[in-house]
Every structure is written in C-alpha cells, then in structure tokens.
C-alpha cells in the first residue's frame, strides 16, 4: 500500500503494516475459516495487537494524528480496530471493505471521517455490502463518503482520484 499512499499524498509520512498470517502465499491480518469466513476470535485478538502497535509507533515516531488506509483484508482489519478504538484514528480510508468485519458492537465514532472505496464490479465486497457498512458507520456517528468506482476487487486510477479529493476536502476542513 506504500505506492498507493504516495499517490494519495506525496508529502504524507507513511507507516506500512503487514499482516502476521499467511494464506496462499499472501500476508493477511487475521485468519479465515475453511469456508473463507472471518475467524472472529482471531480478528479480535489481531485488532488489539494492531492497536498496541499503532500506539507504540505513534509514540516512537511522534506521528501525531493518523488516517488509516487499508485495502481488502487490511481495510477489514482497520475497520474492526477503528470501531473498537476510534480514539486511535483521525480518519480512515477503507478500500473494498466487508461489513462482515464489523465487531459485534461498535463504539460511538464521534465525527470520525471515513472514506469507503467500493467497486461496483466487486464480487467479494459487493456494492450492497458497502451501502450497509456506510449506514452502520453513520449510525455510530462517523462522517462517511461512499465512493463507488467501476472496478472489481482491485484499485484503479478512479479510486485514487476519488480518495485524493476526499483527503483534500478533509485537509481544508481541519484547517
């Protein structure tokens, strides 16, 4: 995701995190069951580990406010962690997340800004799921922007353009 972060904001300080699990040669943030469903107990454990890591990294590197960015499995992990510990994030950009990653209960999210990048052709995180996720996050208090691009379960130039526009609006709102 470093290349993507650089495309979003070339001036940003980036911290890239790799998941501890391996599945079919790819790194993941949490285990999945044999049927492909999220292992909820493992996700809860990994979410706490991610929070601890982020707190330590913020202190060590004096990072200040941070906006989490995740794609697919990373977006799911970020979503879960943010819903349990919203105080650790200034915002989130979730690309191709799944509402199945929501924890059993979501903490009040205050007015945390959240960008949801959905792909209208995505069979893994279909548009109806993104709409549901947007609704749940709004009900918890988040200020969301749902962007649907004409993409499958991959990122395209239109995702970067939409996300960059959201970041620019967010930067103006913070000033």
N, C-alpha and C. Protein backbone atom coordinates (compact mmCIF):
# COMPACT_ATOMS: atom_id res chain seq x y z
N UNK A 1 0.81 -1.20 0.00
CA UNK A 1 0.00 0.00 0.00
C UNK A 1 0.85 1.27 0.00
N UNK A 2 2.17 1.14 0.17
CA UNK A 2 3.01 2.33 0.17
C UNK A 2 2.88 3.12 -1.13
N UNK A 3 2.87 2.42 -2.26
CA UNK A 3 2.73 3.11 -3.54
C UNK A 3 1.42 3.88 -3.59
N UNK A 4 0.38 3.29 -3.03
CA UNK A 4 -0.93 3.92 -3.02
C UNK A 4 -0.92 5.16 -2.12
N UNK A 5 -0.29 5.05 -0.96
CA UNK A 5 -0.18 6.18 -0.05
C UNK A 5 0.57 7.34 -0.69
N UNK A 6 1.62 7.02 -1.43
CA UNK A 6 2.38 8.06 -2.12
C UNK A 6 1.55 8.72 -3.21
N UNK A 7 0.68 7.95 -3.86
CA UNK A 7 -0.21 8.52 -4.88
C UNK A 7 -1.25 9.43 -4.24
N UNK A 8 -1.71 9.06 -3.05
CA UNK A 8 -2.72 9.87 -2.37
C UNK A 8 -2.16 11.19 -1.87
N UNK A 9 -0.99 11.12 -1.26
CA UNK A 9 -0.39 12.33 -0.70
C UNK A 9 1.13 12.16 -0.66
N UNK A 10 1.84 12.70 -1.65
CA UNK A 10 3.30 12.54 -1.71
C UNK A 10 4.03 13.13 -0.51
N UNK A 11 3.39 14.03 0.23
CA UNK A 11 4.02 14.68 1.38
C UNK A 11 3.77 13.95 2.70
N UNK A 12 2.89 12.97 2.69
CA UNK A 12 2.50 12.30 3.93
C UNK A 12 3.62 11.40 4.45
N UNK A 13 3.68 11.28 5.76
CA UNK A 13 4.56 10.30 6.40
C UNK A 13 3.79 8.99 6.41
N UNK A 14 4.39 7.92 5.90
CA UNK A 14 3.69 6.66 5.75
C UNK A 14 4.27 5.58 6.65
N UNK A 15 3.39 4.79 7.20
CA UNK A 15 3.76 3.64 8.00
C UNK A 15 3.01 2.46 7.40
N UNK A 16 3.73 1.50 6.86
CA UNK A 16 3.10 0.35 6.21
C UNK A 16 3.17 -0.86 7.14
N UNK A 17 2.04 -1.52 7.30
CA UNK A 17 1.95 -2.66 8.21
C UNK A 17 1.57 -3.90 7.41
N UNK A 18 2.24 -5.00 7.71
CA UNK A 18 1.96 -6.26 7.04
C UNK A 18 1.32 -7.22 8.04
N UNK A 19 0.30 -7.93 7.61
CA UNK A 19 -0.39 -8.86 8.50
C UNK A 19 0.49 -10.04 8.89
N UNK A 20 0.24 -10.63 10.07
CA UNK A 20 1.07 -11.73 10.56
C UNK A 20 0.69 -13.10 10.02
N UNK A 21 -0.47 -13.22 9.40
CA UNK A 21 -0.93 -14.52 8.88
C UNK A 21 -0.53 -14.69 7.43
N UNK A 22 -0.35 -15.93 7.01
CA UNK A 22 -0.07 -16.20 5.60
C UNK A 22 -1.13 -17.15 5.08
N UNK A 23 -1.65 -16.83 3.90
CA UNK A 23 -2.66 -17.66 3.26
C UNK A 23 -2.38 -17.67 1.76
N UNK A 24 -2.08 -18.83 1.24
CA UNK A 24 -1.80 -18.98 -0.19
C UNK A 24 -0.71 -18.03 -0.66
N UNK A 25 0.33 -17.87 0.16
CA UNK A 25 1.47 -17.03 -0.20
C UNK A 25 1.27 -15.54 0.00
N UNK A 26 0.11 -15.13 0.52
CA UNK A 26 -0.16 -13.71 0.74
C UNK A 26 -0.31 -13.45 2.23
N UNK A 27 0.11 -12.25 2.63
CA UNK A 27 0.01 -11.85 4.03
C UNK A 27 -1.41 -11.37 4.33
N UNK A 28 -1.93 -11.75 5.49
CA UNK A 28 -3.25 -11.34 5.94
C UNK A 28 -3.16 -10.86 7.38
N UNK A 29 -4.13 -10.09 7.79
CA UNK A 29 -4.14 -9.56 9.15
C UNK A 29 -4.84 -10.49 10.13
N UNK A 30 -5.61 -11.43 9.65
CA UNK A 30 -6.37 -12.32 10.51
C UNK A 30 -6.59 -13.65 9.79
N UNK A 31 -6.93 -14.66 10.56
CA UNK A 31 -7.19 -15.98 9.98
C UNK A 31 -8.61 -16.02 9.41
N UNK A 32 -8.77 -16.91 8.46
CA UNK A 32 -10.10 -17.18 7.94
C UNK A 32 -10.39 -18.67 8.17
N UNK A 33 -11.66 -18.97 8.31
CA UNK A 33 -12.06 -20.37 8.46
C UNK A 33 -11.99 -21.06 7.11
N UNK A 34 -12.14 -22.36 7.11
CA UNK A 34 -12.05 -23.15 5.87
C UNK A 34 -13.04 -22.66 4.81
N UNK A 35 -14.21 -22.18 5.23
CA UNK A 35 -15.21 -21.70 4.27
C UNK A 35 -14.95 -20.29 3.78
N UNK A 36 -13.83 -19.68 4.23
CA UNK A 36 -13.46 -18.34 3.80
C UNK A 36 -13.98 -17.24 4.70
N UNK A 37 -14.82 -17.59 5.67
CA UNK A 37 -15.37 -16.58 6.59
C UNK A 37 -14.29 -16.11 7.56
N UNK A 38 -14.45 -14.91 8.06
CA UNK A 38 -13.52 -14.33 9.02
C UNK A 38 -13.56 -15.11 10.33
N UNK A 39 -12.39 -15.43 10.84
CA UNK A 39 -12.29 -16.04 12.17
C UNK A 39 -12.43 -14.89 13.17
N UNK A 40 -13.62 -14.74 13.75
CA UNK A 40 -13.94 -13.59 14.59
C UNK A 40 -13.04 -13.49 15.83
N UNK A 41 -12.74 -14.61 16.46
CA UNK A 41 -11.88 -14.59 17.65
C UNK A 41 -10.49 -14.11 17.28
N UNK A 42 -9.96 -14.58 16.16
CA UNK A 42 -8.63 -14.15 15.74
C UNK A 42 -8.64 -12.67 15.35
N UNK A 43 -9.69 -12.23 14.70
CA UNK A 43 -9.76 -10.82 14.32
C UNK A 43 -9.76 -9.92 15.56
N UNK A 44 -10.48 -10.32 16.59
CA UNK A 44 -10.49 -9.55 17.83
C UNK A 44 -9.09 -9.48 18.43
N UNK A 45 -8.41 -10.61 18.48
CA UNK A 45 -7.04 -10.65 19.02
C UNK A 45 -6.11 -9.78 18.17
N UNK A 46 -6.19 -9.90 16.87
CA UNK A 46 -5.31 -9.14 15.98
C UNK A 46 -5.62 -7.64 16.02
N UNK A 47 -6.89 -7.31 16.24
CA UNK A 47 -7.28 -5.90 16.35
C UNK A 47 -6.61 -5.26 17.56
N UNK A 48 -6.58 -5.98 18.67
CA UNK A 48 -5.92 -5.47 19.88
C UNK A 48 -4.41 -5.33 19.64
N UNK A 49 -3.82 -6.30 18.94
CA UNK A 49 -2.40 -6.22 18.62
C UNK A 49 -2.11 -5.02 17.72
N UNK A 50 -2.98 -4.78 16.76
CA UNK A 50 -2.80 -3.63 15.86
C UNK A 50 -2.89 -2.34 16.65
N UNK A 51 -3.84 -2.24 17.54
CA UNK A 51 -3.97 -1.04 18.37
C UNK A 51 -2.70 -0.81 19.18
N UNK A 52 -2.20 -1.85 19.83
CA UNK A 52 -0.98 -1.72 20.63
C UNK A 52 0.20 -1.27 19.76
N UNK A 53 0.30 -1.85 18.56
CA UNK A 53 1.38 -1.48 17.64
C UNK A 53 1.27 0.00 17.24
N UNK A 54 0.05 0.44 16.92
CA UNK A 54 -0.14 1.82 16.49
C UNK A 54 0.19 2.81 17.61
N UNK A 55 -0.20 2.48 18.83
CA UNK A 55 0.12 3.35 19.96
C UNK A 55 1.63 3.46 20.13
N UNK A 56 2.33 2.32 20.07
CA UNK A 56 3.79 2.32 20.22
C UNK A 56 4.45 3.09 19.08
N UNK A 57 3.98 2.88 17.85
CA UNK A 57 4.57 3.57 16.69
C UNK A 57 4.34 5.08 16.77
N UNK A 58 3.17 5.48 17.22
CA UNK A 58 2.89 6.91 17.35
C UNK A 58 3.83 7.56 18.35
N UNK A 59 4.05 6.89 19.46
CA UNK A 59 4.96 7.42 20.48
C UNK A 59 6.40 7.44 19.98
N UNK A 60 6.84 6.33 19.41
CA UNK A 60 8.23 6.20 18.96
C UNK A 60 8.58 7.20 17.86
N UNK A 61 7.67 7.41 16.93
CA UNK A 61 7.96 8.26 15.76
C UNK A 61 7.28 9.62 15.82
N UNK A 62 6.61 9.92 16.94
CA UNK A 62 5.89 11.19 17.09
C UNK A 62 5.03 11.48 15.86
N UNK A 63 4.17 10.52 15.52
CA UNK A 63 3.39 10.62 14.29
C UNK A 63 2.24 11.62 14.35
N UNK A 64 1.73 11.88 15.52
CA UNK A 64 0.58 12.79 15.60
C UNK A 64 -0.66 12.13 15.05
N UNK A 65 -1.57 12.93 14.54
CA UNK A 65 -2.82 12.39 14.01
C UNK A 65 -2.54 11.47 12.82
N UNK A 66 -3.34 10.41 12.71
CA UNK A 66 -3.12 9.49 11.60
C UNK A 66 -4.43 9.07 10.97
N UNK A 67 -4.38 8.90 9.69
CA UNK A 67 -5.51 8.39 8.93
C UNK A 67 -5.11 7.01 8.44
N UNK A 68 -5.86 6.02 8.86
CA UNK A 68 -5.59 4.65 8.44
C UNK A 68 -6.08 4.42 7.03
N UNK A 69 -5.30 3.68 6.25
CA UNK A 69 -5.67 3.34 4.88
C UNK A 69 -5.51 1.84 4.72
N UNK A 70 -6.55 1.19 4.24
CA UNK A 70 -6.47 -0.26 4.05
C UNK A 70 -7.24 -0.71 2.83
N UNK A 71 -6.77 -1.80 2.24
CA UNK A 71 -7.42 -2.41 1.09
C UNK A 71 -7.77 -3.85 1.42
N UNK A 72 -8.99 -4.25 1.15
CA UNK A 72 -9.45 -5.62 1.30
C UNK A 72 -9.26 -6.12 2.73
N UNK A 73 -8.41 -7.10 2.94
CA UNK A 73 -8.14 -7.63 4.28
C UNK A 73 -7.65 -6.52 5.22
N UNK A 74 -6.79 -5.64 4.71
CA UNK A 74 -6.30 -4.52 5.51
C UNK A 74 -7.41 -3.54 5.86
N UNK A 75 -8.34 -3.32 4.94
CA UNK A 75 -9.49 -2.46 5.22
C UNK A 75 -10.38 -3.09 6.28
N UNK A 76 -10.55 -4.40 6.20
CA UNK A 76 -11.36 -5.10 7.21
C UNK A 76 -10.74 -4.98 8.59
N UNK A 77 -9.42 -5.15 8.66
CA UNK A 77 -8.73 -5.06 9.95
C UNK A 77 -8.83 -3.64 10.50
N UNK A 78 -8.61 -2.66 9.65
CA UNK A 78 -8.70 -1.26 10.05
C UNK A 78 -10.11 -0.94 10.51
N UNK A 79 -11.11 -1.40 9.79
CA UNK A 79 -12.50 -1.18 10.15
C UNK A 79 -12.79 -1.73 11.54
N UNK A 80 -12.39 -2.95 11.78
CA UNK A 80 -12.64 -3.60 13.07
C UNK A 80 -11.95 -2.84 14.20
N UNK A 81 -10.68 -2.51 14.00
CA UNK A 81 -9.92 -1.79 15.02
C UNK A 81 -10.50 -0.40 15.28
N UNK A 82 -10.86 0.31 14.22
CA UNK A 82 -11.42 1.65 14.36
C UNK A 82 -12.75 1.61 15.11
N UNK A 83 -13.57 0.62 14.84
CA UNK A 83 -14.87 0.53 15.50
C UNK A 83 -14.74 0.18 16.98
N UNK A 84 -13.64 -0.45 17.35
CA UNK A 84 -13.40 -0.79 18.75
C UNK A 84 -12.62 0.31 19.48
N UNK A 85 -11.75 0.99 18.75
CA UNK A 85 -10.86 2.00 19.35
C UNK A 85 -10.80 3.26 18.48
N UNK A 86 -11.91 3.96 18.32
CA UNK A 86 -11.92 5.12 17.43
C UNK A 86 -10.97 6.24 17.87
N UNK A 87 -10.63 6.26 19.13
CA UNK A 87 -9.73 7.30 19.64
C UNK A 87 -8.33 7.21 19.04
N UNK A 88 -8.00 6.10 18.43
CA UNK A 88 -6.67 5.91 17.87
C UNK A 88 -6.55 6.45 16.44
N UNK A 89 -7.66 6.89 15.85
CA UNK A 89 -7.65 7.31 14.45
C UNK A 89 -8.24 8.69 14.26
N UNK A 90 -7.63 9.46 13.35
CA UNK A 90 -8.17 10.75 12.96
C UNK A 90 -9.11 10.60 11.77
N UNK A 91 -9.04 9.44 11.15
CA UNK A 91 -9.86 9.15 9.98
C UNK A 91 -9.46 7.81 9.41
N UNK A 92 -10.23 7.35 8.43
CA UNK A 92 -9.93 6.07 7.81
C UNK A 92 -10.34 6.08 6.35
N UNK A 93 -9.55 5.40 5.55
CA UNK A 93 -9.86 5.18 4.15
C UNK A 93 -9.92 3.66 3.96
N UNK A 94 -11.11 3.18 3.67
CA UNK A 94 -11.35 1.75 3.57
C UNK A 94 -11.66 1.40 2.11
N UNK A 95 -10.80 0.66 1.48
CA UNK A 95 -10.99 0.26 0.10
C UNK A 95 -11.38 -1.21 0.04
N UNK A 96 -12.56 -1.46 -0.49
CA UNK A 96 -13.13 -2.80 -0.66
C UNK A 96 -13.31 -3.53 0.68
N UNK A 97 -13.82 -2.82 1.71
CA UNK A 97 -14.06 -3.50 2.99
C UNK A 97 -15.33 -4.34 2.92
N UNK A 98 -15.49 -5.21 3.91
CA UNK A 98 -16.68 -6.04 4.02
C UNK A 98 -17.34 -5.76 5.37
N UNK A 99 -18.65 -5.63 5.36
CA UNK A 99 -19.35 -5.36 6.62
C UNK A 99 -19.21 -6.53 7.59
N UNK A 100 -18.87 -7.71 7.11
CA UNK A 100 -18.64 -8.86 7.99
C UNK A 100 -17.50 -8.60 8.97
N UNK A 101 -16.65 -7.62 8.70
CA UNK A 101 -15.53 -7.30 9.58
C UNK A 101 -15.94 -6.42 10.76
N UNK A 102 -17.16 -5.94 10.76
CA UNK A 102 -17.62 -5.12 11.90
C UNK A 102 -17.61 -5.95 13.17
N UNK A 103 -17.17 -5.36 14.28
CA UNK A 103 -17.24 -6.10 15.54
C UNK A 103 -18.70 -6.26 15.97
N UNK A 104 -18.94 -7.11 16.98
CA UNK A 104 -20.29 -7.35 17.46
C UNK A 104 -20.95 -6.05 17.92
N UNK A 105 -20.17 -5.17 18.54
CA UNK A 105 -20.67 -3.85 18.93
C UNK A 105 -19.67 -2.81 18.46
N UNK A 106 -20.17 -1.66 18.06
CA UNK A 106 -19.33 -0.57 17.59
C UNK A 106 -19.37 0.56 18.61
N UNK A 107 -18.20 1.02 18.99
CA UNK A 107 -18.12 2.17 19.90
C UNK A 107 -18.65 3.41 19.17
N UNK A 108 -19.14 4.41 19.90
CA UNK A 108 -19.51 5.67 19.24
C UNK A 108 -18.29 6.24 18.52
N UNK A 109 -18.46 6.58 17.27
CA UNK A 109 -17.33 7.01 16.45
C UNK A 109 -17.14 8.52 16.42
N UNK A 110 -17.96 9.24 17.19
CA UNK A 110 -17.82 10.69 17.15
C UNK A 110 -18.06 11.17 15.74
N UNK A 111 -17.27 12.05 15.27
CA UNK A 111 -17.40 12.55 13.90
C UNK A 111 -16.21 12.12 13.06
N UNK A 112 -15.67 10.95 13.33
CA UNK A 112 -14.50 10.49 12.60
C UNK A 112 -14.82 10.40 11.10
N UNK A 113 -14.00 11.01 10.26
CA UNK A 113 -14.23 10.94 8.82
C UNK A 113 -13.78 9.60 8.25
N UNK A 114 -14.64 9.00 7.44
CA UNK A 114 -14.35 7.69 6.85
C UNK A 114 -14.69 7.70 5.37
N UNK A 115 -13.72 7.34 4.56
CA UNK A 115 -13.91 7.18 3.12
C UNK A 115 -14.06 5.69 2.83
N UNK A 116 -15.11 5.32 2.12
CA UNK A 116 -15.32 3.93 1.75
C UNK A 116 -15.21 3.84 0.23
N UNK A 117 -14.19 3.15 -0.24
CA UNK A 117 -13.98 2.97 -1.67
C UNK A 117 -14.50 1.61 -2.11
N UNK A 118 -15.65 1.62 -2.79
CA UNK A 118 -16.28 0.38 -3.23
C UNK A 118 -16.10 0.22 -4.73
N UNK A 119 -16.10 -1.02 -5.17
CA UNK A 119 -16.04 -1.33 -6.59
C UNK A 119 -17.38 -1.87 -7.05
N UNK A 120 -17.98 -1.23 -8.03
CA UNK A 120 -19.31 -1.66 -8.47
C UNK A 120 -19.29 -3.05 -9.10
N UNK A 121 -18.12 -3.54 -9.48
CA UNK A 121 -17.99 -4.87 -10.09
C UNK A 121 -17.31 -5.87 -9.15
N UNK A 122 -17.26 -5.55 -7.87
CA UNK A 122 -16.54 -6.35 -6.89
C UNK A 122 -17.40 -7.52 -6.39
N UNK A 123 -17.01 -8.77 -6.70
CA UNK A 123 -17.79 -9.91 -6.21
C UNK A 123 -17.52 -10.24 -4.74
N UNK A 124 -16.38 -9.79 -4.20
CA UNK A 124 -16.02 -10.10 -2.81
C UNK A 124 -16.61 -9.11 -1.81
N UNK A 125 -16.71 -7.86 -2.21
CA UNK A 125 -17.31 -6.81 -1.38
C UNK A 125 -18.31 -6.07 -2.26
N UNK A 126 -19.46 -6.67 -2.50
CA UNK A 126 -20.43 -6.09 -3.45
C UNK A 126 -20.98 -4.75 -2.98
N UNK A 127 -21.46 -3.93 -3.92
CA UNK A 127 -21.94 -2.59 -3.59
C UNK A 127 -23.00 -2.56 -2.47
N UNK A 128 -23.90 -3.53 -2.44
CA UNK A 128 -24.93 -3.53 -1.40
C UNK A 128 -24.29 -3.65 -0.01
N UNK A 129 -23.19 -4.37 0.10
CA UNK A 129 -22.49 -4.51 1.37
C UNK A 129 -21.84 -3.18 1.77
N UNK A 130 -21.30 -2.46 0.80
CA UNK A 130 -20.70 -1.15 1.09
C UNK A 130 -21.75 -0.16 1.56
N UNK A 131 -22.94 -0.24 0.99
CA UNK A 131 -24.04 0.64 1.40
C UNK A 131 -24.44 0.31 2.84
N UNK A 132 -24.51 -0.97 3.17
CA UNK A 132 -24.83 -1.37 4.54
C UNK A 132 -23.77 -0.87 5.51
N UNK A 133 -22.50 -1.04 5.15
CA UNK A 133 -21.40 -0.60 6.01
C UNK A 133 -21.47 0.91 6.22
N UNK A 134 -21.71 1.65 5.16
CA UNK A 134 -21.85 3.11 5.25
C UNK A 134 -22.94 3.47 6.24
N UNK A 135 -24.07 2.79 6.19
CA UNK A 135 -25.19 3.06 7.08
C UNK A 135 -24.84 2.77 8.54
N UNK A 136 -24.15 1.67 8.78
CA UNK A 136 -23.76 1.31 10.15
C UNK A 136 -22.79 2.34 10.72
N UNK A 137 -21.81 2.76 9.92
CA UNK A 137 -20.83 3.74 10.39
C UNK A 137 -21.48 5.10 10.66
N UNK A 138 -22.39 5.50 9.79
CA UNK A 138 -23.11 6.77 10.00
C UNK A 138 -23.93 6.71 11.29
N UNK A 139 -24.59 5.59 11.52
CA UNK A 139 -25.40 5.43 12.74
C UNK A 139 -24.53 5.52 13.99
N UNK A 140 -23.26 5.12 13.87
CA UNK A 140 -22.33 5.20 15.01
C UNK A 140 -21.71 6.60 15.14
N UNK A 141 -22.03 7.49 14.20
CA UNK A 141 -21.56 8.87 14.30
C UNK A 141 -20.49 9.28 13.31
N UNK A 142 -19.99 8.35 12.52
CA UNK A 142 -18.93 8.69 11.56
C UNK A 142 -19.49 9.59 10.46
N UNK A 143 -18.61 10.40 9.90
CA UNK A 143 -18.94 11.22 8.74
C UNK A 143 -18.34 10.49 7.55
N UNK A 144 -19.19 9.86 6.76
CA UNK A 144 -18.69 8.99 5.71
C UNK A 144 -18.87 9.58 4.32
N UNK A 145 -18.02 9.08 3.42
CA UNK A 145 -18.20 9.32 1.99
C UNK A 145 -18.05 7.96 1.32
N UNK A 146 -19.11 7.53 0.67
CA UNK A 146 -19.09 6.27 -0.07
C UNK A 146 -18.83 6.58 -1.53
N UNK A 147 -17.76 6.03 -2.05
CA UNK A 147 -17.39 6.24 -3.45
C UNK A 147 -17.42 4.90 -4.16
N UNK A 148 -18.22 4.81 -5.22
CA UNK A 148 -18.26 3.58 -6.00
C UNK A 148 -17.64 3.83 -7.36
N UNK A 149 -16.59 3.07 -7.63
CA UNK A 149 -15.93 3.17 -8.94
C UNK A 149 -16.27 1.93 -9.75
N UNK A 150 -16.07 2.02 -11.02
CA UNK A 150 -16.38 0.92 -11.94
C UNK A 150 -15.21 -0.07 -11.96
N UNK A 151 -14.96 -0.69 -10.81
CA UNK A 151 -13.81 -1.57 -10.64
C UNK A 151 -14.23 -2.89 -9.99
N UNK A 152 -13.47 -3.94 -10.23
CA UNK A 152 -13.65 -5.19 -9.48
C UNK A 152 -12.90 -5.08 -8.14
N UNK A 153 -12.43 -6.19 -7.62
CA UNK A 153 -11.73 -6.19 -6.33
C UNK A 153 -10.26 -5.84 -6.54
N UNK A 154 -10.03 -4.67 -7.07
CA UNK A 154 -8.69 -4.12 -7.26
C UNK A 154 -8.84 -2.61 -7.32
N UNK A 155 -7.73 -1.92 -7.18
CA UNK A 155 -7.76 -0.45 -7.18
C UNK A 155 -7.41 0.08 -8.55
N UNK A 156 -8.08 1.15 -8.92
CA UNK A 156 -7.81 1.80 -10.19
C UNK A 156 -7.54 3.28 -10.02
N UNK A 157 -7.22 3.94 -11.11
CA UNK A 157 -6.92 5.37 -11.09
C UNK A 157 -8.11 6.18 -10.56
N UNK A 158 -9.33 5.73 -10.84
CA UNK A 158 -10.50 6.46 -10.36
C UNK A 158 -10.64 6.35 -8.83
N UNK A 159 -10.15 5.25 -8.24
CA UNK A 159 -10.12 5.15 -6.78
C UNK A 159 -9.17 6.18 -6.19
N UNK A 160 -8.00 6.31 -6.81
CA UNK A 160 -7.01 7.27 -6.33
C UNK A 160 -7.56 8.69 -6.44
N UNK A 161 -8.18 8.99 -7.54
CA UNK A 161 -8.73 10.34 -7.76
C UNK A 161 -9.81 10.66 -6.72
N UNK A 162 -10.73 9.73 -6.48
CA UNK A 162 -11.80 9.97 -5.51
C UNK A 162 -11.23 10.11 -4.10
N UNK A 163 -10.28 9.26 -3.75
CA UNK A 163 -9.68 9.31 -2.41
C UNK A 163 -8.86 10.58 -2.22
N UNK A 164 -8.14 10.99 -3.23
CA UNK A 164 -7.35 12.21 -3.15
C UNK A 164 -8.26 13.42 -2.94
N UNK A 165 -9.39 13.45 -3.64
CA UNK A 165 -10.35 14.54 -3.46
C UNK A 165 -10.91 14.56 -2.04
N UNK A 166 -11.19 13.39 -1.48
CA UNK A 166 -11.67 13.32 -0.10
C UNK A 166 -10.61 13.83 0.87
N UNK A 167 -9.36 13.44 0.67
CA UNK A 167 -8.27 13.90 1.54
C UNK A 167 -8.11 15.42 1.48
N UNK A 168 -8.22 15.97 0.28
CA UNK A 168 -8.08 17.42 0.14
C UNK A 168 -9.20 18.16 0.86
N UNK A 169 -10.43 17.65 0.76
CA UNK A 169 -11.55 18.26 1.48
C UNK A 169 -11.34 18.14 2.98
N UNK A 170 -10.84 17.01 3.41
CA UNK A 170 -10.57 16.79 4.84
C UNK A 170 -9.51 17.75 5.33
N UNK A 171 -8.45 17.96 4.56
CA UNK A 171 -7.38 18.87 4.96
C UNK A 171 -7.91 20.29 5.10
N UNK A 172 -8.79 20.71 4.20
CA UNK A 172 -9.37 22.04 4.27
C UNK A 172 -10.26 22.16 5.51
N UNK A 173 -11.03 21.12 5.80
CA UNK A 173 -11.95 21.15 6.94
C UNK A 173 -11.20 21.22 8.27
N UNK A 174 -10.01 20.61 8.34
CA UNK A 174 -9.22 20.58 9.57
C UNK A 174 -8.59 21.94 9.84
N UNK A 175 -8.24 22.68 8.78
CA UNK A 175 -7.53 23.96 8.95
C UNK A 175 -8.37 25.02 9.55
